[in-house]
Amino acid sequence: MTSPADPAASASTTSPLTPAIQGALTRYRVIAYIVGVMLLLLLFLAMPLKYFADNPAVMNVIGPLHGFLYVIYLLGAFDLSRRVHWSLARLVLIALAGTIPFLSFYAERKVTKDLTHP
C-alpha cells in the first residue's frame, strides 16, 4: 500500500493527460512560443528596417521563416485539437492566435491551464 506522501502515487493522480496528449501539448507549447517570438521580430525589427531604413534583408529572412513556422504552429494546434476534441470554433481561435502579436503567448498559457487543471 502506498502512503499519500508517496511521490509515485501522487504523480499518477495529478496529471489527467495521457502521454499522447501531453506530447501534443508540449509540441504546441514550443511552437507557440517560437511563432510568437518570430512574429514580434517580424513586426518590431524586420518591418521597421524594411520600411524606415530601406533594408529588406532581415524581412527577406524572417518573413518566410515566420510563414513556415506558422504552418507548423497550425499543424501543432490541429494535432492537439484532434487529441482533446476541441470544437472547430476553438481550433480557429487558437490558430488565429499565431497572427496577433503577443496573443500566441496568452493562448498557450490558457490552453496549458485548461488541459492541466480541469
PDB file of N, CA and C in Angstrom:
ATOM      1  N   MET A   1       0.847  -1.186   0.000  1.00  0.00           N
ATOM      2  CA  MET A   1       0.000   0.000   0.000  1.00  0.00           C
ATOM      3  C   MET A   1       0.877   1.228   0.000  1.00  0.00           C
ATOM      4  N   THR A   2       0.502   2.216  -0.786  1.00  0.00           N
ATOM      5  CA  THR A   2       1.286   3.444  -0.847  1.00  0.00           C
ATOM      6  C   THR A   2       0.676   4.490   0.072  1.00  0.00           C
ATOM      7  N   SER A   3       1.549   5.292   0.635  1.00  0.00           N
ATOM      8  CA  SER A   3       1.076   6.369   1.506  1.00  0.00           C
ATOM      9  C   SER A   3       0.767   7.591   0.655  1.00  0.00           C
ATOM     10  N   PRO A   4      -0.056   8.516   1.156  1.00  0.00           N
ATOM     11  CA  PRO A   4      -0.370   9.729   0.404  1.00  0.00           C
ATOM     12  C   PRO A   4       0.864  10.570   0.097  1.00  0.00           C
ATOM     13  N   ALA A   5       1.921  10.423   0.900  1.00  0.00           N
ATOM     14  CA  ALA A   5       3.134  11.198   0.673  1.00  0.00           C
ATOM     15  C   ALA A   5       4.033  10.553  -0.385  1.00  0.00           C
ATOM     16  N   ASP A   6       3.670   9.387  -0.885  1.00  0.00           N
ATOM     17  CA  ASP A   6       4.467   8.681  -1.882  1.00  0.00           C
ATOM     18  C   ASP A   6       4.429   9.457  -3.207  1.00  0.00           C
ATOM     19  N   PRO A   7       5.582   9.953  -3.702  1.00  0.00           N
ATOM     20  CA  PRO A   7       5.595  10.749  -4.934  1.00  0.00           C
ATOM     21  C   PRO A   7       5.078   9.974  -6.146  1.00  0.00           C
ATOM     22  N   ALA A   8       5.338   8.691  -6.209  1.00  0.00           N
ATOM     23  CA  ALA A   8       4.877   7.898  -7.356  1.00  0.00           C
ATOM     24  C   ALA A   8       3.356   7.838  -7.389  1.00  0.00           C
ATOM     25  N   ALA A   9       2.745   7.730  -6.235  1.00  0.00           N
ATOM     26  CA  ALA A   9       1.284   7.660  -6.174  1.00  0.00           C
ATOM     27  C   ALA A   9       0.664   9.010  -6.531  1.00  0.00           C
ATOM     28  N   SER A  10       1.255  10.097  -6.052  1.00  0.00           N
ATOM     29  CA  SER A  10       0.671  11.401  -6.329  1.00  0.00           C
ATOM     30  C   SER A  10       0.922  11.844  -7.762  1.00  0.00           C
ATOM     31  N   ALA A  11       2.020  11.422  -8.379  1.00  0.00           N
ATOM     32  CA  ALA A  11       2.311  11.821  -9.758  1.00  0.00           C
ATOM     33  C   ALA A  11       1.284  11.251 -10.720  1.00  0.00           C
ATOM     34  N   SER A  12       0.800  10.053 -10.458  1.00  0.00           N
ATOM     35  CA  SER A  12      -0.157   9.449 -11.373  1.00  0.00           C
ATOM     36  C   SER A  12      -1.544  10.069 -11.235  1.00  0.00           C
ATOM     37  N   THR A  13      -1.830  10.689 -10.104  1.00  0.00           N
ATOM     38  CA  THR A  13      -3.155  11.267  -9.909  1.00  0.00           C
ATOM     39  C   THR A  13      -3.203  12.756 -10.233  1.00  0.00           C
ATOM     40  N   THR A  14      -2.048  13.436 -10.337  1.00  0.00           N
ATOM     41  CA  THR A  14      -2.076  14.866 -10.578  1.00  0.00           C
ATOM     42  C   THR A  14      -2.169  15.218 -12.061  1.00  0.00           C
ATOM     43  N   SER A  15      -1.740  14.351 -12.951  1.00  0.00           N
ATOM     44  CA  SER A  15      -1.770  14.658 -14.372  1.00  0.00           C
ATOM     45  C   SER A  15      -2.879  13.874 -15.059  1.00  0.00           C
ATOM     46  N   PRO A  16      -3.957  14.565 -15.481  1.00  0.00           N
ATOM     47  CA  PRO A  16      -5.055  13.865 -16.149  1.00  0.00           C
ATOM     48  C   PRO A  16      -4.767  13.586 -17.623  1.00  0.00           C
ATOM     49  N   LEU A  17      -3.601  13.998 -18.112  1.00  0.00           N
ATOM     50  CA  LEU A  17      -3.296  13.873 -19.525  1.00  0.00           C
ATOM     51  C   LEU A  17      -2.649  12.534 -19.850  1.00  0.00           C
ATOM     52  N   THR A  18      -3.051  11.982 -20.972  1.00  0.00           N
ATOM     53  CA  THR A  18      -2.399  10.772 -21.463  1.00  0.00           C
ATOM     54  C   THR A  18      -1.044  11.173 -22.045  1.00  0.00           C
ATOM     55  N   PRO A  19      -0.139  10.229 -22.209  1.00  0.00           N
ATOM     56  CA  PRO A  19       1.152  10.574 -22.815  1.00  0.00           C
ATOM     57  C   PRO A  19       1.010  11.187 -24.213  1.00  0.00           C
ATOM     58  N   ALA A  20       0.047  10.738 -24.994  1.00  0.00           N
ATOM     59  CA  ALA A  20      -0.156  11.290 -26.338  1.00  0.00           C
ATOM     60  C   ALA A  20      -0.601  12.748 -26.270  1.00  0.00           C
ATOM     61  N   ILE A  21      -1.504  13.056 -25.358  1.00  0.00           N
ATOM     62  CA  ILE A  21      -1.962  14.443 -25.211  1.00  0.00           C
ATOM     63  C   ILE A  21      -0.844  15.302 -24.636  1.00  0.00           C
ATOM     64  N   GLN A  22      -0.115  14.773 -23.672  1.00  0.00           N
ATOM     65  CA  GLN A  22       0.999  15.524 -23.084  1.00  0.00           C
ATOM     66  C   GLN A  22       2.041  15.849 -24.149  1.00  0.00           C
ATOM     67  N   GLY A  23       2.344  14.894 -25.018  1.00  0.00           N
ATOM     68  CA  GLY A  23       3.300  15.141 -26.098  1.00  0.00           C
ATOM     69  C   GLY A  23       2.806  16.194 -27.062  1.00  0.00           C
ATOM     70  N   ALA A  24       1.524  16.117 -27.439  1.00  0.00           N
ATOM     71  CA  ALA A  24       0.941  17.112 -28.346  1.00  0.00           C
ATOM     72  C   ALA A  24       0.929  18.489 -27.694  1.00  0.00           C
ATOM     73  N   LEU A  25       0.637  18.546 -26.403  1.00  0.00           N
ATOM     74  CA  LEU A  25       0.636  19.825 -25.687  1.00  0.00           C
ATOM     75  C   LEU A  25       2.042  20.417 -25.638  1.00  0.00           C
ATOM     76  N   THR A  26       3.025  19.604 -25.379  1.00  0.00           N
ATOM     77  CA  THR A  26       4.405  20.088 -25.342  1.00  0.00           C
ATOM     78  C   THR A  26       4.837  20.618 -26.702  1.00  0.00           C
ATOM     79  N   ARG A  27       4.511  19.890 -27.756  1.00  0.00           N
ATOM     80  CA  ARG A  27       4.852  20.364 -29.104  1.00  0.00           C
ATOM     81  C   ARG A  27       4.149  21.685 -29.406  1.00  0.00           C
ATOM     82  N   TYR A  28       2.884  21.779 -29.036  1.00  0.00           N
ATOM     83  CA  TYR A  28       2.128  23.017 -29.259  1.00  0.00           C
ATOM     84  C   TYR A  28       2.749  24.182 -28.487  1.00  0.00           C
ATOM     85  N   ARG A  29       3.103  23.938 -27.229  1.00  0.00           N
ATOM     86  CA  ARG A  29       3.673  25.000 -26.401  1.00  0.00           C
ATOM     87  C   ARG A  29       4.975  25.522 -26.992  1.00  0.00           C
ATOM     88  N   VAL A  30       5.824  24.623 -27.439  1.00  0.00           N
ATOM     89  CA  VAL A  30       7.113  25.026 -28.010  1.00  0.00           C
ATOM     90  C   VAL A  30       6.896  25.865 -29.270  1.00  0.00           C
ATOM     91  N   ILE A  31       6.073  25.380 -30.175  1.00  0.00           N
ATOM     92  CA  ILE A  31       5.884  26.104 -31.436  1.00  0.00           C
ATOM     93  C   ILE A  31       5.119  27.415 -31.203  1.00  0.00           C
ATOM     94  N   ALA A  32       4.244  27.469 -30.205  1.00  0.00           N
ATOM     95  CA  ALA A  32       3.540  28.722 -29.909  1.00  0.00           C
ATOM     96  C   ALA A  32       4.527  29.802 -29.479  1.00  0.00           C
ATOM     97  N   TYR A  33       5.493  29.436 -28.643  1.00  0.00           N
ATOM     98  CA  TYR A  33       6.499  30.410 -28.232  1.00  0.00           C
ATOM     99  C   TYR A  33       7.367  30.838 -29.404  1.00  0.00           C
ATOM    100  N   ILE A  34       7.780  29.881 -30.212  1.00  0.00           N
ATOM    101  CA  ILE A  34       8.633  30.208 -31.357  1.00  0.00           C
ATOM    102  C   ILE A  34       7.903  31.139 -32.321  1.00  0.00           C
ATOM    103  N   VAL A  35       6.660  30.812 -32.645  1.00  0.00           N
ATOM    104  CA  VAL A  35       5.890  31.648 -33.570  1.00  0.00           C
ATOM    105  C   VAL A  35       5.647  33.026 -32.961  1.00  0.00           C
ATOM    106  N   GLY A  36       5.384  33.094 -31.677  1.00  0.00           N
ATOM    107  CA  GLY A  36       5.187  34.384 -31.022  1.00  0.00           C
ATOM    108  C   GLY A  36       6.426  35.259 -31.092  1.00  0.00           C
ATOM    109  N   VAL A  37       7.572  34.675 -30.828  1.00  0.00           N
ATOM    110  CA  VAL A  37       8.824  35.437 -30.893  1.00  0.00           C
ATOM    111  C   VAL A  37       9.112  35.855 -32.335  1.00  0.00           C
ATOM    112  N   MET A  38       8.914  34.958 -33.278  1.00  0.00           N
ATOM    113  CA  MET A  38       9.165  35.296 -34.678  1.00  0.00           C
ATOM    114  C   MET A  38       8.243  36.419 -35.155  1.00  0.00           C
ATOM    115  N   LEU A  39       6.989  36.395 -34.727  1.00  0.00           N
ATOM    116  CA  LEU A  39       6.059  37.457 -35.114  1.00  0.00           C
ATOM    117  C   LEU A  39       6.506  38.799 -34.539  1.00  0.00           C
ATOM    118  N   LEU A  40       6.976  38.796 -33.302  1.00  0.00           N
ATOM    119  CA  LEU A  40       7.472  40.038 -32.708  1.00  0.00           C
ATOM    120  C   LEU A  40       8.709  40.547 -33.438  1.00  0.00           C
ATOM    121  N   LEU A  41       9.608  39.637 -33.801  1.00  0.00           N
ATOM    122  CA  LEU A  41      10.786  40.037 -34.578  1.00  0.00           C
ATOM    123  C   LEU A  41      10.374  40.600 -35.937  1.00  0.00           C
ATOM    124  N   LEU A  42       9.392  39.970 -36.531  1.00  0.00           N
ATOM    125  CA  LEU A  42       8.908  40.435 -37.831  1.00  0.00           C
ATOM    126  C   LEU A  42       8.332  41.840 -37.734  1.00  0.00           C
ATOM    127  N   LEU A  43       7.498  42.068 -36.741  1.00  0.00           N
ATOM    128  CA  LEU A  43       6.821  43.357 -36.620  1.00  0.00           C
ATOM    129  C   LEU A  43       7.698  44.481 -36.085  1.00  0.00           C
ATOM    130  N   PHE A  44       8.564  44.161 -35.139  1.00  0.00           N
ATOM    131  CA  PHE A  44       9.304  45.219 -34.463  1.00  0.00           C
ATOM    132  C   PHE A  44      10.765  45.338 -34.896  1.00  0.00           C
ATOM    133  N   LEU A  45      11.236  44.437 -35.728  1.00  0.00           N
ATOM    134  CA  LEU A  45      12.597  44.519 -36.230  1.00  0.00           C
ATOM    135  C   LEU A  45      12.622  44.535 -37.760  1.00  0.00           C
ATOM    136  N   ALA A  46      12.098  43.487 -38.363  1.00  0.00           N
ATOM    137  CA  ALA A  46      12.198  43.347 -39.814  1.00  0.00           C
ATOM    138  C   ALA A  46      11.395  44.405 -40.576  1.00  0.00           C
ATOM    139  N   MET A  47      10.164  44.635 -40.173  1.00  0.00           N
ATOM    140  CA  MET A  47       9.346  45.611 -40.901  1.00  0.00           C
ATOM    141  C   MET A  47       9.877  47.040 -40.748  1.00  0.00           C
ATOM    142  N   PRO A  48      10.250  47.484 -39.554  1.00  0.00           N
ATOM    143  CA  PRO A  48      10.835  48.836 -39.472  1.00  0.00           C
ATOM    144  C   PRO A  48      12.123  48.976 -40.290  1.00  0.00           C
ATOM    145  N   LEU A  49      12.952  47.930 -40.280  1.00  0.00           N
ATOM    146  CA  LEU A  49      14.166  48.005 -41.088  1.00  0.00           C
ATOM    147  C   LEU A  49      13.834  48.105 -42.570  1.00  0.00           C
ATOM    148  N   LYS A  50      12.833  47.374 -42.989  1.00  0.00           N
ATOM    149  CA  LYS A  50      12.463  47.402 -44.404  1.00  0.00           C
ATOM    150  C   LYS A  50      11.871  48.754 -44.800  1.00  0.00           C
ATOM    151  N   TYR A  51      10.943  49.261 -44.028  1.00  0.00           N
ATOM    152  CA  TYR A  51      10.203  50.452 -44.437  1.00  0.00           C
ATOM    153  C   TYR A  51      10.826  51.774 -44.007  1.00  0.00           C
ATOM    154  N   PHE A  52      11.587  51.774 -42.917  1.00  0.00           N
ATOM    155  CA  PHE A  52      12.172  53.027 -42.450  1.00  0.00           C
ATOM    156  C   PHE A  52      13.657  53.148 -42.777  1.00  0.00           C
ATOM    157  N   ALA A  53      14.356  52.021 -42.876  1.00  0.00           N
ATOM    158  CA  ALA A  53      15.789  52.049 -43.169  1.00  0.00           C
ATOM    159  C   ALA A  53      16.081  51.548 -44.577  1.00  0.00           C
ATOM    160  N   ASP A  54      15.037  51.217 -45.317  1.00  0.00           N
ATOM    161  CA  ASP A  54      15.183  50.721 -46.690  1.00  0.00           C
ATOM    162  C   ASP A  54      16.165  49.548 -46.764  1.00  0.00           C
ATOM    163  N   ASN A  55      16.016  48.628 -45.786  1.00  0.00           N
ATOM    164  CA  ASN A  55      16.879  47.452 -45.727  1.00  0.00           C
ATOM    165  C   ASN A  55      15.992  46.213 -45.614  1.00  0.00           C
ATOM    166  N   PRO A  56      15.660  45.582 -46.742  1.00  0.00           N
ATOM    167  CA  PRO A  56      14.755  44.436 -46.704  1.00  0.00           C
ATOM    168  C   PRO A  56      15.420  43.102 -46.366  1.00  0.00           C
ATOM    169  N   ALA A  57      16.712  43.093 -46.098  1.00  0.00           N
ATOM    170  CA  ALA A  57      17.427  41.836 -45.888  1.00  0.00           C
ATOM    171  C   ALA A  57      16.853  41.024 -44.726  1.00  0.00           C
ATOM    172  N   VAL A  58      16.593  41.669 -43.607  1.00  0.00           N
ATOM    173  CA  VAL A  58      16.067  40.949 -42.437  1.00  0.00           C
ATOM    174  C   VAL A  58      14.651  40.452 -42.726  1.00  0.00           C
ATOM    175  N   MET A  59      13.866  41.258 -43.382  1.00  0.00           N
ATOM    176  CA  MET A  59      12.499  40.863 -43.742  1.00  0.00           C
ATOM    177  C   MET A  59      12.508  39.658 -44.685  1.00  0.00           C
ATOM    178  N   ASN A  60      13.485  39.628 -45.583  1.00  0.00           N
ATOM    179  CA  ASN A  60      13.573  38.519 -46.531  1.00  0.00           C
ATOM    180  C   ASN A  60      13.907  37.199 -45.851  1.00  0.00           C
ATOM    181  N   VAL A  61      14.459  37.242 -44.662  1.00  0.00           N
ATOM    182  CA  VAL A  61      14.759  36.023 -43.908  1.00  0.00           C
ATOM    183  C   VAL A  61      13.625  35.714 -42.934  1.00  0.00           C
ATOM    184  N   ILE A  62      13.253  36.692 -42.123  1.00  0.00           N
ATOM    185  CA  ILE A  62      12.273  36.451 -41.061  1.00  0.00           C
ATOM    186  C   ILE A  62      10.870  36.243 -41.612  1.00  0.00           C
ATOM    187  N   GLY A  63      10.492  36.940 -42.661  1.00  0.00           N
ATOM    188  CA  GLY A  63       9.151  36.802 -43.230  1.00  0.00           C
ATOM    189  C   GLY A  63       8.832  35.361 -43.650  1.00  0.00           C
ATOM    190  N   PRO A  64       9.618  34.787 -44.558  1.00  0.00           N
ATOM    191  CA  PRO A  64       9.345  33.407 -44.957  1.00  0.00           C
ATOM    192  C   PRO A  64       9.511  32.401 -43.816  1.00  0.00           C
ATOM    193  N   LEU A  65      10.479  32.659 -42.929  1.00  0.00           N
ATOM    194  CA  LEU A  65      10.676  31.755 -41.797  1.00  0.00           C
ATOM    195  C   LEU A  65       9.455  31.758 -40.878  1.00  0.00           C
ATOM    196  N   HIS A  66       8.924  32.949 -40.612  1.00  0.00           N
ATOM    197  CA  HIS A  66       7.707  33.027 -39.797  1.00  0.00           C
ATOM    198  C   HIS A  66       6.545  32.318 -40.500  1.00  0.00           C
ATOM    199  N   GLY A  67       6.420  32.495 -41.792  1.00  0.00           N
ATOM    200  CA  GLY A  67       5.354  31.819 -42.536  1.00  0.00           C
ATOM    201  C   GLY A  67       5.461  30.310 -42.434  1.00  0.00           C
ATOM    202  N   PHE A  68       6.662  29.789 -42.595  1.00  0.00           N
ATOM    203  CA  PHE A  68       6.880  28.345 -42.477  1.00  0.00           C
ATOM    204  C   PHE A  68       6.553  27.864 -41.060  1.00  0.00           C
ATOM    205  N   LEU A  69       7.040  28.587 -40.063  1.00  0.00           N
ATOM    206  CA  LEU A  69       6.794  28.186 -38.675  1.00  0.00           C
ATOM    207  C   LEU A  69       5.325  28.311 -38.300  1.00  0.00           C
ATOM    208  N   TYR A  70       4.622  29.266 -38.894  1.00  0.00           N
ATOM    209  CA  TYR A  70       3.188  29.388 -38.629  1.00  0.00           C
ATOM    210  C   TYR A  70       2.437  28.161 -39.134  1.00  0.00           C
ATOM    211  N   VAL A  71       2.861  27.614 -40.262  1.00  0.00           N
ATOM    212  CA  VAL A  71       2.245  26.377 -40.763  1.00  0.00           C
ATOM    213  C   VAL A  71       2.488  25.243 -39.772  1.00  0.00           C
ATOM    214  N   ILE A  72       3.682  25.161 -39.204  1.00  0.00           N
ATOM    215  CA  ILE A  72       3.981  24.149 -38.177  1.00  0.00           C
ATOM    216  C   ILE A  72       3.098  24.387 -36.952  1.00  0.00           C
ATOM    217  N   TYR A  73       2.900  25.659 -36.590  1.00  0.00           N
ATOM    218  CA  TYR A  73       2.013  26.018 -35.477  1.00  0.00           C
ATOM    219  C   TYR A  73       0.594  25.515 -35.748  1.00  0.00           C
ATOM    220  N   LEU A  74       0.115  25.731 -36.958  1.00  0.00           N
ATOM    221  CA  LEU A  74      -1.230  25.256 -37.316  1.00  0.00           C
ATOM    222  C   LEU A  74      -1.337  23.745 -37.198  1.00  0.00           C
ATOM    223  N   LEU A  75      -0.313  23.042 -37.652  1.00  0.00           N
ATOM    224  CA  LEU A  75      -0.315  21.577 -37.538  1.00  0.00           C
ATOM    225  C   LEU A  75      -0.293  21.137 -36.073  1.00  0.00           C
ATOM    226  N   GLY A  76       0.486  21.833 -35.255  1.00  0.00           N
ATOM    227  CA  GLY A  76       0.530  21.511 -33.823  1.00  0.00           C
ATOM    228  C   GLY A  76      -0.796  21.772 -33.141  1.00  0.00           C
ATOM    229  N   ALA A  77      -1.428  22.879 -33.484  1.00  0.00           N
ATOM    230  CA  ALA A  77      -2.739  23.194 -32.911  1.00  0.00           C
ATOM    231  C   ALA A  77      -3.781  22.179 -33.365  1.00  0.00           C
ATOM    232  N   PHE A  78      -3.727  21.792 -34.639  1.00  0.00           N
ATOM    233  CA  PHE A  78      -4.675  20.802 -35.145  1.00  0.00           C
ATOM    234  C   PHE A  78      -4.474  19.455 -34.463  1.00  0.00           C
ATOM    235  N   ASP A  79      -3.218  19.045 -34.298  1.00  0.00           N
ATOM    236  CA  ASP A  79      -2.925  17.771 -33.642  1.00  0.00           C
ATOM    237  C   ASP A  79      -3.456  17.765 -32.210  1.00  0.00           C
ATOM    238  N   LEU A  80      -3.196  18.833 -31.474  1.00  0.00           N
ATOM    239  CA  LEU A  80      -3.695  18.920 -30.102  1.00  0.00           C
ATOM    240  C   LEU A  80      -5.217  18.947 -30.086  1.00  0.00           C
ATOM    241  N   SER A  81      -5.805  19.695 -30.989  1.00  0.00           N
ATOM    242  CA  SER A  81      -7.263  19.794 -31.084  1.00  0.00           C
ATOM    243  C   SER A  81      -7.903  18.426 -31.324  1.00  0.00           C
ATOM    244  N   ARG A  82      -7.298  17.673 -32.206  1.00  0.00           N
ATOM    245  CA  ARG A  82      -7.817  16.339 -32.532  1.00  0.00           C
ATOM    246  C   ARG A  82      -7.749  15.409 -31.311  1.00  0.00           C
ATOM    247  N   ARG A  83      -6.689  15.534 -30.553  1.00  0.00           N
ATOM    248  CA  ARG A  83      -6.498  14.643 -29.399  1.00  0.00           C
ATOM    249  C   ARG A  83      -7.409  14.997 -28.217  1.00  0.00           C
ATOM    250  N   VAL A  84      -7.721  16.288 -28.055  1.00  0.00           N
ATOM    251  CA  VAL A  84      -8.539  16.696 -26.907  1.00  0.00           C
ATOM    252  C   VAL A  84      -9.974  17.033 -27.296  1.00  0.00           C
ATOM    253  N   HIS A  85     -10.296  16.869 -28.577  1.00  0.00           N
ATOM    254  CA  HIS A  85     -11.668  17.029 -29.087  1.00  0.00           C
ATOM    255  C   HIS A  85     -12.209  18.444 -28.905  1.00  0.00           C
ATOM    256  N   TRP A  86     -11.422  19.434 -29.359  1.00  0.00           N
ATOM    257  CA  TRP A  86     -11.889  20.805 -29.337  1.00  0.00           C
ATOM    258  C   TRP A  86     -12.943  21.011 -30.411  1.00  0.00           C
ATOM    259  N   SER A  87     -13.771  22.006 -30.223  1.00  0.00           N
ATOM    260  CA  SER A  87     -14.720  22.400 -31.266  1.00  0.00           C
ATOM    261  C   SER A  87     -13.948  23.112 -32.380  1.00  0.00           C
ATOM    262  N   LEU A  88     -14.562  23.193 -33.537  1.00  0.00           N
ATOM    263  CA  LEU A  88     -13.936  23.885 -34.662  1.00  0.00           C
ATOM    264  C   LEU A  88     -13.711  25.361 -34.324  1.00  0.00           C
ATOM    265  N   ALA A  89     -14.640  25.965 -33.621  1.00  0.00           N
ATOM    266  CA  ALA A  89     -14.504  27.374 -33.242  1.00  0.00           C
ATOM    267  C   ALA A  89     -13.272  27.591 -32.359  1.00  0.00           C
ATOM    268  N   ARG A  90     -13.059  26.707 -31.404  1.00  0.00           N
ATOM    269  CA  ARG A  90     -11.895  26.859 -30.522  1.00  0.00           C
ATOM    270  C   ARG A  90     -10.604  26.667 -31.313  1.00  0.00           C
ATOM    271  N   LEU A  91     -10.591  25.690 -32.214  1.00  0.00           N
ATOM    272  CA  LEU A  91      -9.410  25.472 -33.039  1.00  0.00           C
ATOM    273  C   LEU A  91      -9.098  26.714 -33.877  1.00  0.00           C
ATOM    274  N   VAL A  92     -10.113  27.318 -34.462  1.00  0.00           N
ATOM    275  CA  VAL A  92      -9.912  28.518 -35.281  1.00  0.00           C
ATOM    276  C   VAL A  92      -9.359  29.661 -34.427  1.00  0.00           C
ATOM    277  N   LEU A  93      -9.880  29.840 -33.231  1.00  0.00           N
ATOM    278  CA  LEU A  93      -9.380  30.897 -32.346  1.00  0.00           C
ATOM    279  C   LEU A  93      -7.921  30.663 -31.960  1.00  0.00           C
ATOM    280  N   ILE A  94      -7.585  29.430 -31.652  1.00  0.00           N
ATOM    281  CA  ILE A  94      -6.204  29.099 -31.303  1.00  0.00           C
ATOM    282  C   ILE A  94      -5.307  29.311 -32.519  1.00  0.00           C
ATOM    283  N   ALA A  95      -5.777  28.937 -33.695  1.00  0.00           N
ATOM    284  CA  ALA A  95      -4.995  29.118 -34.923  1.00  0.00           C
ATOM    285  C   ALA A  95      -4.749  30.599 -35.202  1.00  0.00           C
ATOM    286  N   LEU A  96      -5.752  31.422 -34.998  1.00  0.00           N
ATOM    287  CA  LEU A  96      -5.604  32.861 -35.232  1.00  0.00           C
ATOM    288  C   LEU A  96      -4.682  33.528 -34.216  1.00  0.00           C
ATOM    289  N   ALA A  97      -4.497  32.901 -33.070  1.00  0.00           N
ATOM    290  CA  ALA A  97      -3.628  33.479 -32.041  1.00  0.00           C
ATOM    291  C   ALA A  97      -2.195  33.628 -32.534  1.00  0.00           C
ATOM    292  N   GLY A  98      -1.804  32.851 -33.514  1.00  0.00           N
ATOM    293  CA  GLY A  98      -0.455  32.957 -34.054  1.00  0.00           C
ATOM    294  C   GLY A  98      -0.272  34.120 -35.000  1.00  0.00           C
ATOM    295  N   THR A  99      -1.333  34.880 -35.258  1.00  0.00           N
ATOM    296  CA  THR A  99      -1.242  36.003 -36.193  1.00  0.00           C
ATOM    297  C   THR A  99      -1.310  37.359 -35.509  1.00  0.00           C
ATOM    298  N   ILE A 100      -1.575  37.385 -34.225  1.00  0.00           N
ATOM    299  CA  ILE A 100      -1.718  38.639 -33.482  1.00  0.00           C
ATOM    300  C   ILE A 100      -0.593  38.726 -32.453  1.00  0.00           C
ATOM    301  N   PRO A 101       0.178  39.810 -32.480  1.00  0.00           N
ATOM    302  CA  PRO A 101       1.308  39.917 -31.545  1.00  0.00           C
ATOM    303  C   PRO A 101       0.897  39.674 -30.089  1.00  0.00           C
ATOM    304  N   PHE A 102       1.690  38.903 -29.411  1.00  0.00           N
ATOM    305  CA  PHE A 102       1.547  38.542 -28.001  1.00  0.00           C
ATOM    306  C   PHE A 102       0.405  37.561 -27.725  1.00  0.00           C
ATOM    307  N   LEU A 103      -0.521  37.384 -28.644  1.00  0.00           N
ATOM    308  CA  LEU A 103      -1.671  36.524 -28.374  1.00  0.00           C
ATOM    309  C   LEU A 103      -1.294  35.040 -28.331  1.00  0.00           C
ATOM    310  N   SER A 104      -0.280  34.626 -29.067  1.00  0.00           N
ATOM    311  CA  SER A 104       0.109  33.212 -29.009  1.00  0.00           C
ATOM    312  C   SER A 104       0.613  32.846 -27.615  1.00  0.00           C
ATOM    313  N   PHE A 105       1.254  33.801 -26.931  1.00  0.00           N
ATOM    314  CA  PHE A 105       1.724  33.530 -25.563  1.00  0.00           C
ATOM    315  C   PHE A 105       0.533  33.348 -24.619  1.00  0.00           C
ATOM    316  N   TYR A 106      -0.457  34.218 -24.759  1.00  0.00           N
ATOM    317  CA  TYR A 106      -1.660  34.109 -23.928  1.00  0.00           C
ATOM    318  C   TYR A 106      -2.412  32.810 -24.231  1.00  0.00           C
ATOM    319  N   ALA A 107      -2.575  32.503 -25.511  1.00  0.00           N
ATOM    320  CA  ALA A 107      -3.305  31.287 -25.894  1.00  0.00           C
ATOM    321  C   ALA A 107      -2.606  30.044 -25.371  1.00  0.00           C
ATOM    322  N   GLU A 108      -1.292  30.040 -25.447  1.00  0.00           N
ATOM    323  CA  GLU A 108      -0.531  28.878 -24.943  1.00  0.00           C
ATOM    324  C   GLU A 108      -0.752  28.699 -23.454  1.00  0.00           C
ATOM    325  N   ARG A 109      -0.711  29.777 -22.689  1.00  0.00           N
ATOM    326  CA  ARG A 109      -0.926  29.684 -21.233  1.00  0.00           C
ATOM    327  C   ARG A 109      -2.345  29.208 -20.927  1.00  0.00           C
ATOM    328  N   LYS A 110      -3.319  29.737 -21.666  1.00  0.00           N
ATOM    329  CA  LYS A 110      -4.723  29.363 -21.448  1.00  0.00           C
ATOM    330  C   LYS A 110      -4.950  27.893 -21.775  1.00  0.00           C
ATOM    331  N   VAL A 111      -4.430  27.448 -22.899  1.00  0.00           N
ATOM    332  CA  VAL A 111      -4.581  26.044 -23.296  1.00  0.00           C
ATOM    333  C   VAL A 111      -3.919  25.134 -22.267  1.00  0.00           C
ATOM    334  N   THR A 112      -2.709  25.474 -21.858  1.00  0.00           N
ATOM    335  CA  THR A 112      -1.998  24.655 -20.877  1.00  0.00           C
ATOM    336  C   THR A 112      -2.766  24.587 -19.567  1.00  0.00           C
ATOM    337  N   LYS A 113      -3.262  25.722 -19.099  1.00  0.00           N
ATOM    338  CA  LYS A 113      -4.040  25.744 -17.846  1.00  0.00           C
ATOM    339  C   LYS A 113      -5.315  24.922 -17.976  1.00  0.00           C
ATOM    340  N   ASP A 114      -6.017  25.097 -19.082  1.00  0.00           N
ATOM    341  CA  ASP A 114      -7.277  24.356 -19.279  1.00  0.00           C
ATOM    342  C   ASP A 114      -7.056  22.854 -19.315  1.00  0.00           C
ATOM    343  N   LEU A 115      -5.954  22.417 -19.908  1.00  0.00           N
ATOM    344  CA  LEU A 115      -5.728  20.985 -20.045  1.00  0.00           C
ATOM    345  C   LEU A 115      -5.097  20.349 -18.809  1.00  0.00           C
ATOM    346  N   THR A 116      -4.301  21.113 -18.069  1.00  0.00           N
ATOM    347  CA  THR A 116      -3.627  20.517 -16.915  1.00  0.00           C
ATOM    348  C   THR A 116      -4.350  20.743 -15.600  1.00  0.00           C
ATOM    349  N   HIS A 117      -5.295  21.690 -15.581  1.00  0.00           N
ATOM    350  CA  HIS A 117      -6.072  21.953 -14.361  1.00  0.00           C
ATOM    351  C   HIS A 117      -7.559  21.988 -14.719  1.00  0.00           C
ATOM    352  N   PRO A 118      -8.135  20.837 -15.012  1.00  0.00           N
ATOM    353  CA  PRO A 118      -9.545  20.834 -15.446  1.00  0.00           C
ATOM    354  C   PRO A 118     -10.522  21.229 -14.354  1.00  0.00           C
TER     355      PRO A 118
END
